Protein backbone atom coordinates (compact mmCIF):
# COMPACT_ATOMS: atom_id res chain seq x y z
CA UNK A 1 19.92 189.87 -7.61
CA UNK A 2 18.59 187.45 -10.14
CA UNK A 3 17.11 185.01 -7.66
CA UNK A 4 15.71 185.97 -4.30
CA UNK A 5 14.09 183.12 -2.38
CA UNK A 6 12.11 185.57 -0.25
CA UNK A 7 10.28 186.87 -3.28
CA UNK A 8 8.78 183.46 -4.08
CA UNK A 9 8.27 182.14 -0.53
CA UNK A 10 4.69 181.97 0.69
CA UNK A 11 3.71 184.48 3.32
CA UNK A 12 3.52 183.24 6.92
CA UNK A 13 -0.17 184.19 6.97
CA UNK A 14 -0.92 181.82 4.07
CA UNK A 15 1.05 179.09 5.80
CA UNK A 16 -0.95 179.46 9.02
CA UNK A 17 -4.18 179.56 7.03
CA UNK A 18 -3.30 176.31 5.25
CA UNK A 19 -2.44 174.68 8.58
CA UNK A 20 -5.73 175.74 10.17
CA UNK A 21 -7.73 174.81 7.07
CA UNK A 22 -6.25 171.33 7.17
CA UNK A 23 -6.36 170.55 10.90
CA UNK A 24 -9.16 172.73 12.29
CA UNK A 25 -11.65 173.56 9.55
CA UNK A 26 -11.24 170.58 7.23
CA UNK A 27 -13.07 167.27 7.45
CA UNK A 28 -12.39 165.75 10.90
CA UNK A 29 -11.12 162.43 9.53
CA UNK A 30 -8.52 163.94 7.18
CA UNK A 31 -5.59 164.65 9.58
CA UNK A 32 -5.49 161.04 10.77
CA UNK A 33 -6.69 159.12 7.72
CA UNK A 34 -3.20 157.76 7.01
CA UNK A 35 -2.98 156.21 10.52
CA UNK A 36 -4.46 152.84 11.45
CA UNK A 37 -7.47 153.23 13.75
CA UNK A 38 -5.63 151.74 16.76
CA UNK A 39 -2.80 154.28 16.41
CA UNK A 40 -4.91 157.45 16.17
CA UNK A 41 -5.12 158.13 19.89
CA UNK A 42 -7.09 161.34 20.47
CA UNK A 43 -7.68 161.69 16.73
CA UNK A 44 -9.79 158.50 16.63
CA UNK A 45 -13.58 158.81 16.47
CA UNK A 46 -15.04 159.51 19.92
CA UNK A 47 -17.31 157.06 21.65
CA UNK A 48 -18.72 157.67 25.15
CA UNK A 49 -15.84 155.99 26.98
CA UNK A 50 -13.12 157.73 24.96
CA UNK A 51 -14.87 161.11 25.42
CA UNK A 52 -15.01 160.59 29.21
CA UNK A 53 -11.31 159.69 29.37
CA UNK A 54 -10.32 162.68 27.23
CA UNK A 55 -12.46 165.04 29.31
CA UNK A 56 -10.99 163.68 32.57
CA UNK A 57 -7.43 164.04 31.24
CA UNK A 58 -8.06 167.62 30.11
CA UNK A 59 -9.66 168.59 33.43
CA UNK A 60 -6.77 167.01 35.31
CA UNK A 61 -4.20 168.98 33.34
CA UNK A 62 -6.13 172.25 33.58
CA UNK A 63 -6.55 171.92 37.36
CA UNK A 64 -2.83 171.54 38.12
C-alpha cells in the first residue's frame, strides 16, 4: 500500500478542536466577518433590543 489516505488525514479530535477554536474561542467577530451586517442575524453585535429578542426566543424554545 503505497498511498493510504487514512495515514495523512487529520484526526477527528484535531478537526473538532479547530472548529471550536474558530467558532467558540476565537474573536467573536471572525465567524461572521464575511457577511454584511444586515445578514448576520444572531451573529450580529448585540444591542439591548436584539439581546431581549434572542433571550425571549431561547426561553420560548426551551419551555416547549
